[in-house]
Protein backbone atom coordinates (compact mmCIF):
# COMPACT_ATOMS: atom_id res chain seq x y z
CA MET A 1 116.20 14.75 101.65
CA HIS A 2 116.99 17.14 98.80
CA VAL A 3 117.13 20.06 101.23
CA PHE A 4 119.89 18.33 103.17
CA ASN A 5 121.79 17.66 99.94
CA ILE A 6 121.93 21.30 98.88
CA LEU A 7 122.51 22.72 102.36
CA PRO A 8 126.32 22.31 102.19
CA VAL A 9 126.36 24.18 98.87
CA PHE A 10 124.51 27.16 100.33
CA LEU A 11 126.73 27.10 103.39
CA LEU A 12 129.86 27.12 101.24
CA PHE A 13 128.48 29.98 99.14
CA PHE A 14 127.70 31.98 102.28
CA LEU A 15 131.18 31.45 103.71
CA LEU A 16 132.82 32.50 100.44
CA LEU A 17 130.63 35.61 100.33
CA VAL A 18 131.63 36.61 103.84
CA TYR A 19 135.29 35.87 103.10
CA PHE A 20 135.55 37.91 99.92
CA TYR A 21 132.97 40.63 100.67
CA PRO A 22 133.17 41.74 104.29
CA SER A 23 129.89 43.23 105.49
CA ASP A 24 131.31 45.85 107.85
CA ALA A 25 130.73 48.78 105.48
CA LEU A 26 132.40 52.05 106.38
CA GLU A 27 130.06 54.55 108.00
CA TYR A 28 129.37 57.91 106.39
CA LYS A 29 130.89 59.94 109.22
CA TYR A 30 134.08 61.84 109.96
CA HIS A 31 136.71 59.61 111.50
CA ASN A 32 139.08 61.17 114.02
CA ALA A 33 142.70 60.01 114.22
CA THR A 34 141.94 56.97 116.38
CA GLU A 35 138.91 55.95 114.32
CA LEU A 36 140.78 56.41 111.04
CA GLU A 37 143.59 54.14 112.19
CA GLU A 38 141.11 51.53 113.43
CA ALA A 39 139.16 51.64 110.15
CA MET A 40 142.29 51.16 108.05
CA LYS A 41 143.62 48.31 110.18
CA ASN A 42 140.21 46.65 110.14
CA PHE A 43 140.06 47.01 106.36
CA THR A 44 143.44 45.32 105.97
CA SER A 45 142.60 42.43 108.27
CA LYS A 46 139.30 41.69 106.53
CA THR A 47 140.37 42.12 102.89
CA LYS A 48 141.11 38.81 101.18
CA ASN A 49 140.40 39.29 97.48
CA ILE A 50 143.21 41.81 96.84
CA HIS A 51 146.59 42.56 98.36
CA THR A 52 146.65 45.40 100.91
CA LEU A 53 149.48 47.00 102.83
CA LEU A 54 149.03 49.54 105.64
CA TYR A 55 152.11 51.62 106.39
CA LYS A 56 153.21 54.93 107.92
CA ILE A 57 155.31 57.53 106.18
CA GLY A 58 155.85 59.73 109.24
CA ARG A 59 154.12 61.61 112.04
CA SER A 60 152.49 64.98 112.56
CA GLN A 61 154.31 68.00 113.95
CA PHE A 62 152.42 68.60 117.21
CA ARG A 63 150.34 65.58 118.21
CA ASN A 64 152.77 63.00 116.80
CA LEU A 65 149.90 61.35 114.93
CA PRO A 66 150.80 58.72 112.32
CA LEU A 67 150.45 59.51 108.63
CA TRP A 68 148.82 56.28 107.50
CA VAL A 69 148.87 55.08 103.89
CA MET A 70 146.87 52.20 102.44
CA LYS A 71 148.33 50.40 99.43
CA LEU A 72 146.00 48.30 97.27
CA THR A 73 146.85 46.09 94.32
CA ALA A 74 145.94 42.82 92.67
CA ALA A 75 148.98 42.80 90.39
CA LYS A 76 150.52 39.34 90.36
CA ASP A 77 153.93 40.80 89.69
CA ASP A 78 155.88 43.93 90.49
CA LEU A 79 158.23 44.99 87.70
CA GLY A 80 156.73 47.62 85.42
CA VAL A 81 153.62 48.19 87.54
CA PRO A 82 153.02 51.95 88.00
CA ASN A 83 152.33 53.53 91.40
CA ILE A 84 149.48 56.00 91.91
CA LYS A 85 148.85 58.09 95.01
CA PHE A 86 146.03 60.21 96.38
CA VAL A 87 146.61 62.65 99.25
CA ALA A 88 143.78 64.31 101.19
CA ASN A 89 143.29 66.62 104.17
CA ILE A 90 146.42 68.64 103.32
CA HIS A 91 144.54 71.51 104.89
CA GLY A 92 143.07 70.17 108.11
CA ASN A 93 139.79 72.07 107.79
CA GLU A 94 139.18 70.66 104.28
CA ALA A 95 137.83 67.38 105.54
CA LEU A 96 135.79 65.80 102.75
CA GLY A 97 138.76 64.26 100.91
CA ARG A 98 139.72 62.35 104.06
CA GLU A 99 136.43 60.43 103.99
CA VAL A 100 136.31 60.17 100.19
CA LEU A 101 139.61 58.28 100.15
CA LEU A 102 138.43 55.88 102.85
CA HIS A 103 135.37 55.10 100.75
CA TYR A 104 137.47 54.81 97.58
CA MET A 105 139.57 52.23 99.40
CA GLU A 106 136.46 50.23 100.23
CA TYR A 107 134.93 50.71 96.77
CA LEU A 108 137.98 49.30 94.99
CA ARG A 109 138.00 46.18 97.14
CA ASP A 110 134.26 45.55 96.97
CA ASN A 111 134.06 46.00 93.20
CA TYR A 112 137.18 44.11 92.15
CA ASN A 113 135.14 41.07 91.13
CA LYS A 114 132.20 43.11 89.80
CA ASP A 115 133.56 45.98 87.68
CA GLU A 116 135.99 45.37 84.81
CA LYS A 117 137.50 48.86 85.16
CA VAL A 118 138.21 48.32 88.85
CA ARG A 119 139.74 44.94 88.05
CA CYS A 120 141.85 46.50 85.30
CA LEU A 121 143.08 49.19 87.68
CA LEU A 122 144.02 46.87 90.53
CA ASP A 123 145.50 44.19 88.26
CA ASN A 124 147.84 46.69 86.63
CA THR A 125 148.69 49.39 89.19
CA LYS A 126 149.54 49.95 92.84
CA ILE A 127 147.25 52.49 94.55
CA HIS A 128 148.47 54.39 97.63
CA LEU A 129 145.91 56.37 99.67
CA LEU A 130 146.96 58.93 102.31
CA PRO A 131 143.62 60.09 103.80
CA SER A 132 145.15 62.72 106.07
CA MET A 133 148.41 64.57 105.54
CA ASN A 134 147.46 67.05 108.27
CA PRO A 135 145.84 65.18 111.17
CA ASP A 136 146.83 67.95 113.63
CA GLY A 137 144.79 70.52 111.73
CA PHE A 138 141.83 68.17 111.36
CA GLU A 139 141.62 67.58 115.10
CA VAL A 140 140.97 71.29 115.81
CA ALA A 141 138.96 72.26 112.71
CA PRO A 142 135.31 73.10 113.53
CA ARG A 143 132.89 70.62 111.98
CA GLY A 144 130.34 71.81 109.47
CA VAL A 145 132.01 75.18 108.94
CA CYS A 146 132.38 76.00 105.26
CA SER A 147 134.78 78.92 105.18
CA ARG A 148 136.76 79.51 108.40
CA GLU A 149 140.52 78.97 108.39
CA LEU A 150 140.95 77.38 111.83
CA GLY A 151 142.71 74.04 111.36
CA ARG A 152 143.96 74.84 107.87
CA ASN A 153 147.62 74.63 108.93
CA ASN A 154 149.47 72.01 110.93
CA GLY A 155 150.80 72.21 114.49
CA LYS A 156 149.21 73.31 117.75
CA ASN A 157 145.73 74.75 117.15
CA GLY A 158 146.28 74.33 113.40
CA ARG A 159 148.11 77.64 113.13
CA ARG A 160 151.70 76.68 112.28
CA GLU A 161 152.38 76.33 108.52
CA ASP A 162 150.34 75.83 105.36
CA LEU A 163 151.55 72.45 104.09
CA ASN A 164 150.61 73.33 100.51
CA ARG A 165 153.06 76.26 100.61
CA ASN A 166 155.84 74.23 102.21
CA PHE A 167 157.50 72.34 99.34
CA PRO A 168 160.63 73.36 97.40
CA ASP A 169 159.70 75.66 94.52
CA LEU A 170 160.69 75.56 90.87
CA TYR A 171 161.52 79.24 90.49
CA ARG A 172 162.55 80.60 93.89
CA ASP A 173 163.79 79.65 97.34
CA ASN A 174 161.04 78.68 99.75
CA ASN A 175 162.17 79.88 103.16
CA ILE A 176 159.19 78.56 105.12
CA PRO A 177 160.58 76.03 107.63
CA ARG A 178 160.01 72.53 106.29
CA GLN A 179 157.44 70.67 108.37
CA PRO A 180 157.67 66.97 109.30
CA GLU A 181 154.52 66.20 107.32
CA THR A 182 156.06 67.80 104.23
CA GLU A 183 159.36 66.01 104.76
CA ALA A 184 157.49 62.72 105.06
CA VAL A 185 155.73 63.22 101.72
CA ILE A 186 158.98 64.29 100.03
CA GLN A 187 160.74 61.16 101.29
CA TRP A 188 157.74 59.06 100.25
CA MET A 189 158.14 60.33 96.69
CA LYS A 190 161.84 59.47 96.79
CA ASP A 191 161.10 55.95 98.01
CA ILE A 192 158.33 55.13 95.53
CA PRO A 193 158.36 56.17 91.84
CA PHE A 194 154.84 57.57 91.57
CA VAL A 195 153.50 58.17 88.07
CA LEU A 196 150.14 59.83 88.78
CA SER A 197 148.79 61.66 91.81
CA ALA A 198 146.05 63.97 93.04
CA GLY A 199 145.67 66.17 96.10
CA LEU A 200 142.12 66.51 97.43
CA HIS A 201 141.03 69.90 98.76
CA GLY A 202 137.83 71.81 99.53
CA GLY A 203 136.53 75.36 99.19
CA ALA A 204 135.79 75.30 95.45
CA MET A 205 134.70 72.94 92.69
CA VAL A 206 137.44 72.63 90.06
CA ALA A 207 140.31 70.47 88.83
CA ASN A 208 143.47 72.58 89.06
CA TYR A 209 146.66 71.69 87.16
CA PRO A 210 150.29 72.97 87.35
CA TYR A 211 151.98 75.26 87.64
CA ASP A 212 150.82 77.21 90.69
CA THR A 213 154.13 79.04 90.82
CA VAL A 214 155.18 81.73 88.34
CA ARG A 215 158.59 82.65 86.98
CA VAL A 216 158.09 86.37 87.60
CA GLU A 217 155.75 87.65 90.29
CA LYS A 218 153.55 90.48 89.07
CA SER A 219 152.10 93.29 91.12
CA SER A 220 149.00 93.56 88.94
CA SER A 221 145.82 91.69 89.77
CA SER A 222 145.74 89.93 86.39
CA ASN A 223 146.47 86.21 86.61
CA THR A 224 148.60 84.77 83.83
CA PRO A 225 148.72 81.01 83.23
CA SER A 226 151.98 79.29 84.17
CA LEU A 227 152.20 76.23 81.94
CA THR A 228 154.29 73.08 82.16
CA PRO A 229 155.98 71.42 79.17
CA ASP A 230 153.26 68.75 79.49
CA ASP A 231 150.36 71.19 79.47
CA ASP A 232 148.32 69.07 77.05
CA VAL A 233 148.55 66.07 79.36
CA PHE A 234 147.68 68.06 82.48
CA LYS A 235 144.65 69.61 80.80
CA HIS A 236 143.56 66.13 79.76
CA LEU A 237 144.01 64.76 83.29
CA ALA A 238 142.05 67.63 84.82
CA THR A 239 139.32 67.25 82.20
CA THR A 240 139.13 63.50 82.83
CA TYR A 241 138.24 64.16 86.45
CA SER A 242 135.91 67.06 85.72
CA ARG A 243 133.87 65.42 82.99
CA ASN A 244 133.28 62.37 85.20
CA HIS A 245 132.09 64.54 88.10
CA PRO A 246 128.41 65.54 87.71
CA LYS A 247 128.81 68.97 89.34
CA MET A 248 132.37 69.95 88.45
CA LYS A 249 131.82 69.69 84.71
CA GLU A 250 128.88 72.11 85.03
CA ASN A 251 130.76 74.62 87.22
CA ARG A 252 128.34 74.01 90.05
CA CYS A 253 128.88 73.47 93.75
CA GLU A 254 127.83 70.23 95.38
CA ASP A 255 124.42 71.75 96.23
CA GLY A 256 123.82 72.87 92.63
CA SER A 257 124.62 76.54 93.14
CA ILE A 258 126.91 78.30 90.66
CA ALA A 259 130.63 77.89 91.38
CA ASN A 260 133.46 79.86 89.79
CA SER A 261 133.20 80.15 86.02
CA PHE A 262 135.99 77.76 85.08
CA LYS A 263 135.63 76.49 81.53
CA ASN A 264 134.92 72.74 81.61
CA GLY A 265 135.52 72.76 85.37
CA ILE A 266 139.31 73.02 85.07
CA THR A 267 141.92 75.75 85.53
CA ASN A 268 145.64 76.30 85.45
CA GLY A 269 146.80 77.00 88.99
CA ALA A 270 148.50 80.34 88.37
CA ALA A 271 145.65 81.47 86.12
CA TRP A 272 143.43 81.17 89.20
CA TYR A 273 145.96 82.51 91.72
CA SER A 274 149.69 81.90 92.01
CA PHE A 275 151.73 80.88 95.03
CA THR A 276 155.10 79.41 95.97
CA GLY A 277 155.81 75.96 97.41
CA GLY A 278 152.85 73.95 96.12
CA MET A 279 152.76 70.17 96.30
CA GLN A 280 151.55 69.54 92.74
CA ASP A 281 154.39 71.57 91.23
CA TYR A 282 156.98 69.71 93.31
CA ASN A 283 155.60 66.33 92.24
CA TYR A 284 156.15 67.26 88.61
CA PHE A 285 159.51 69.02 88.48
CA ALA A 286 161.26 67.09 91.27
CA ALA A 287 159.74 63.60 91.22
CA GLY A 288 158.52 63.16 87.64
CA CYS A 289 154.98 62.52 88.90
CA MET A 290 151.95 64.16 87.32
CA GLU A 291 149.73 65.55 90.08
CA ILE A 292 146.69 67.80 89.94
CA THR A 293 144.76 69.50 92.74
CA LEU A 294 141.10 68.56 93.09
CA GLU A 295 138.76 71.00 94.81
CA ILE A 296 135.81 68.69 95.44
CA SER A 297 133.39 70.72 97.56
CA CYS A 298 132.60 74.42 97.80
CA CYS A 299 132.09 73.89 101.53
CA LYS A 300 135.40 73.04 103.18
CA TYR A 301 133.88 70.91 105.94
CA PRO A 302 130.45 69.62 104.84
CA GLU A 303 127.97 68.19 107.32
CA GLU A 304 128.07 64.43 107.83
CA ASP A 305 124.63 63.92 106.31
CA LYS A 306 126.10 65.10 102.97
CA LEU A 307 128.99 62.61 102.91
CA GLN A 308 127.30 59.80 101.02
CA GLU A 309 126.07 62.13 98.27
CA LEU A 310 129.49 63.77 97.97
CA TRP A 311 131.24 60.41 97.79
CA GLU A 312 128.90 59.34 95.00
CA GLN A 313 129.76 62.52 93.08
CA ASN A 314 133.47 61.66 93.16
CA LYS A 315 133.39 57.86 92.78
CA ARG A 316 133.52 57.53 89.00
CA ALA A 317 135.85 60.52 88.62
CA LEU A 318 138.42 58.92 90.94
CA LEU A 319 138.31 55.64 89.04
CA MET A 320 138.57 57.15 85.56
CA TYR A 321 141.37 59.46 86.68
CA SER A 322 143.30 56.53 88.18
CA LEU A 323 143.15 54.61 84.89
CA GLU A 324 145.07 57.42 83.16
CA ALA A 325 148.25 55.98 84.72
CA LEU A 326 148.00 53.15 82.18
CA LYS A 327 148.24 55.46 79.17
CA GLY A 328 151.30 56.83 77.39
CA VAL A 329 154.63 55.03 77.34
CA ALA A 330 156.34 52.62 79.73
CA GLY A 331 159.36 50.39 79.62
CA LEU A 332 162.76 49.29 80.84
CA VAL A 333 166.32 50.50 80.30
CA LEU A 334 168.79 47.59 80.36
CA ASP A 335 172.48 46.91 79.92
CA SER A 336 172.90 45.41 76.44
CA SER A 337 175.52 42.89 77.57
CA SER A 338 174.30 41.77 80.98
CA GLN A 339 170.63 42.66 80.47
CA LYS A 340 170.68 44.13 83.96
CA PRO A 341 168.69 47.30 84.72
CA VAL A 342 170.25 50.75 84.41
CA ARG A 343 169.07 53.02 87.18
CA ASP A 344 168.84 56.83 87.04
CA ALA A 345 169.06 57.04 83.25
CA GLN A 346 167.69 60.41 82.14
CA LEU A 347 164.80 60.42 79.67
CA GLN A 348 163.10 63.28 77.88
CA ILE A 349 160.24 63.47 75.42
CA ILE A 350 161.59 65.71 72.65
CA GLY A 351 159.83 69.07 72.62
CA ARG A 352 159.03 68.85 76.33
CA ASN A 353 161.70 70.48 78.45
CA MET A 354 161.36 68.22 81.47
CA THR A 355 163.41 65.11 82.21
CA PHE A 356 162.47 62.05 84.19
CA LYS A 357 164.55 59.05 85.20
CA THR A 358 164.53 55.29 85.51
CA THR A 359 164.00 53.48 88.79
CA GLU A 360 166.55 51.19 90.42
CA LYS A 361 164.98 48.39 88.37
CA GLY A 362 165.37 50.33 85.11
CA GLU A 363 161.66 51.13 84.84
CA PHE A 364 160.14 54.29 83.42
CA TRP A 365 156.65 55.61 82.72
CA ARG A 366 155.29 58.77 81.12
CA ILE A 367 151.64 59.67 80.59
CA LEU A 368 151.14 61.00 77.05
CA LEU A 369 148.21 61.62 74.72
CA PRO A 370 147.87 59.62 71.49
CA GLY A 371 150.39 60.73 68.87
CA LYS A 372 153.90 60.32 67.51
CA TYR A 373 156.83 61.15 69.78
CA GLN A 374 160.59 60.99 70.10
CA ILE A 375 162.34 59.99 73.29
CA LYS A 376 165.92 60.87 74.21
CA VAL A 377 167.81 58.63 76.64
CA GLN A 378 171.09 59.49 78.38
CA ALA A 379 173.18 57.84 81.07
CA PRO A 380 176.75 58.46 82.29
CA GLY A 381 179.22 56.44 80.21
CA TYR A 382 176.70 55.71 77.45
CA TYR A 383 175.97 57.16 74.06
CA SER A 384 172.71 59.07 74.01
CA THR A 385 170.04 58.19 71.49
CA THR A 386 166.79 59.60 70.17
CA GLU A 387 164.08 57.27 68.90
CA ASP A 388 160.58 57.49 67.50
CA PHE A 389 157.56 55.80 69.02
CA THR A 390 153.79 56.07 68.77
CA VAL A 391 151.14 56.21 71.48
CA ARG A 392 147.91 54.84 70.10
CA LYS A 393 144.42 55.76 71.23
CA SER A 394 143.09 53.28 73.75
CA GLY A 395 139.60 52.17 72.85
CA LYS A 396 139.47 49.47 75.50
CA SER A 397 138.10 49.56 79.02
CA CYS A 398 141.59 48.61 80.17
CA PRO A 399 144.24 50.94 78.70
CA ILE A 400 147.62 49.58 77.61
CA PRO A 401 150.63 51.91 77.29
CA THR A 402 153.17 51.71 74.48
CA LYS A 403 155.92 49.38 75.75
CA LEU A 404 159.60 50.07 75.06
CA ARG A 405 162.69 48.13 76.03
CA ILE A 406 165.90 50.12 75.69
CA PHE A 407 169.36 48.52 75.69
CA LEU A 408 172.39 50.64 76.59
CA THR A 409 175.84 49.89 75.17
CA ASN A 410 179.20 51.00 76.57
CA SER A 411 180.70 54.12 74.97
CA SER A 412 184.29 53.05 75.71
CA THR A 413 184.21 49.38 74.67
CA ALA A 414 182.20 49.79 71.45
CA THR A 415 184.41 52.42 69.80
CA SER A 416 184.79 50.39 66.61
CA LEU A 417 181.08 50.71 65.93
CA ASN A 418 179.28 53.65 64.44
CA PRO A 419 176.69 54.71 67.05
CA THR A 420 174.04 55.34 64.42
CA ASN A 421 174.47 51.84 63.00
CA ILE A 422 173.59 50.02 66.21
CA ILE A 423 170.28 51.74 66.86
CA ALA A 424 167.49 49.37 65.91
CA PRO A 425 164.12 50.82 64.87
CA ASN A 426 161.63 51.28 67.67
CA LYS A 427 159.10 48.45 67.71
CA PRO A 428 156.80 48.73 70.74
CA THR A 429 155.37 45.38 71.71
CA PRO A 430 151.71 44.87 72.62
CA GLU A 431 152.32 42.23 75.24
CA SER A 432 152.71 42.99 78.91
CA ILE A 433 156.14 43.80 80.31
CA PRO A 434 157.78 40.58 81.54
CA ILE A 435 157.46 40.67 85.28
CA LEU A 436 159.15 39.30 88.36
CA GLU A 437 157.50 36.13 89.64
CA SER A 438 154.66 36.15 91.95
CA ARG A 439 153.31 36.24 95.47
CA ASN A 440 150.49 34.86 97.53
CA SER A 441 148.24 36.97 99.76
CA LYS A 442 150.33 36.49 102.90
CA ASP A 443 153.90 36.30 101.78
CA LEU A 444 155.30 38.15 98.79
CA GLU A 445 158.19 36.08 97.43
CA ILE A 446 159.25 37.60 94.14
CA GLN A 447 161.88 35.75 92.13
CA SER A 448 164.20 37.55 89.75
CA ARG A 449 163.38 36.93 86.10
CA ILE A 450 163.77 39.20 83.12
CA GLU A 451 162.68 38.24 79.64
CA ILE A 452 163.86 40.11 76.59
CA TYR A 453 161.76 42.35 74.38
CA PRO A 454 162.68 42.85 70.74
CA ILE A 455 165.36 45.55 70.65
CA THR A 456 163.79 48.99 70.42
CA MET A 457 166.90 51.12 70.97
CA CYS A 458 170.58 50.66 71.63
CA LEU A 459 172.97 52.92 73.44
CA ARG A 460 176.54 51.93 74.14
CA ARG A 461 177.34 50.55 77.54
CA SER A 462 179.94 51.84 79.96
CA SER A 463 182.27 49.57 81.85
CA VAL A 464 180.53 50.37 85.13
CA ALA A 465 178.90 47.22 86.45
CA ILE A 466 175.27 47.68 87.47
CA PRO A 467 174.01 44.81 89.63
CA LEU A 468 170.72 43.11 88.91
CA MET A 469 168.15 44.43 91.32
CA THR A 470 166.23 41.60 92.92
CA HIS A 471 163.16 42.16 94.98
CA SER A 472 161.52 40.38 97.85
CA ALA A 473 158.78 41.66 100.10
CA ASN A 474 156.10 40.67 102.56
CA ALA A 475 152.66 42.14 103.06
CA VAL A 476 153.99 44.48 105.72
CA ALA A 477 154.54 48.17 106.25
CA THR A 478 157.85 49.59 105.13
CA LEU A 479 159.49 52.29 103.06
CA ALA A 480 163.21 51.82 102.62
CA GLY A 481 164.30 52.83 99.14
CA SER A 482 161.95 50.33 97.55
CA GLU A 483 159.02 48.33 98.84
CA GLN A 484 160.89 45.56 100.64
CA GLY A 485 159.86 43.26 103.43
CA ALA A 486 159.78 43.78 107.18
CA PRO A 487 159.08 41.38 110.03
CA SER A 488 156.02 43.09 111.51
CA LYS A 489 152.52 43.74 110.19
CA PHE A 490 152.59 47.48 110.86
CA ARG A 491 156.16 48.66 110.96
CA GLU A 492 156.52 52.31 111.93
CA ILE A 493 158.62 54.46 109.64
CA ASP A 494 159.51 57.71 111.44
């Protein structure tokens, strides 16, 4: 009799287990274009414990193959949540990253209810995974070949253009014809305000940080570092990945053999070798996104029987690197009268000659190391201001950035006031940024709601009216300025 009483409990437990933890684990094999698409669609249909969104950002040059992206998040809200991206298979013959990102996708879902760091990441960020930027090259690259170049580029037979030499450059014109895959990634960065990124490559074992380009090309063989204004942050990001990778931190290849002698497993790009048109440089100077290049296997196309071991080597490093997006400073820039967001306000950390801007919802983020900083904020029709703030060391498993809320006041209507008298002292608040109201797993219905932080800065507002940006979306595929809804499950964006 007792057996029959507890049977429904076991049955319910079993059904919940199947619902939240699908058993169809991804195989350790290379997935061609058809298999990759099937795996990603299957993942989306079977994932219930977090929100997923499968979407395309474009198609390949020759075979017209879709560039699929998987978005994962468990954030209950949207405003103030940073976007992170990982891009693999930029060179078609560097295949490991393609499979690593598929397994990272599965790992995040399966460990959301088990690992507090995974939960922290998914509760507070939006992760976007592009397993293959160059599916044309992958389709012709010879399997198991560690060093040949066939399939490196895009196009027919993988011999058209090197996609990692195809982006606009900081210091010189890049005359290489822009490829559709490159254009798709550029537009992707315009549509979504990414904060942190990494490109996965093969052929070495090192975390490479910007710049790859140099101001003056030298004829000598000596390689001089080309450093960004945020060199300390980039070194930290590269070191975060390296020290959490068992081989990279020891300058060893995946098989234990000696790799290049990079100190701590990191290098500045130009100090290794310089080139024009790199993706990580463009992310930084054009999109305000901090990206590094991860060389994760000395063999460009490892054998399939090595995939599980190589995934395990990168698992923790990917997670710890992703969490860096939650460090530094984040906040909103708002109109002081209407409390509506101010888009495209220019921000700069004093002493770092690189600006970044607010989103259409007034959001901003900047990864910074612990310390005291000043931030300068400018917008057309407003007084500029410079304010102090502090980034504190995060000792928790779930990092929390310093939060700022900046109010802008019109420069033409507040002429009777002394600008210096209306700037309140910066008082970052420990609580989470007030967010737009929530969604369920099938239908994202986000209501507009903004709550007010204590004033941290005031600029003077112009008379230009800036409408409140509201947001609504469904769990569907789209990229149209911001992540808004579409009527179909997999809407093609070409």
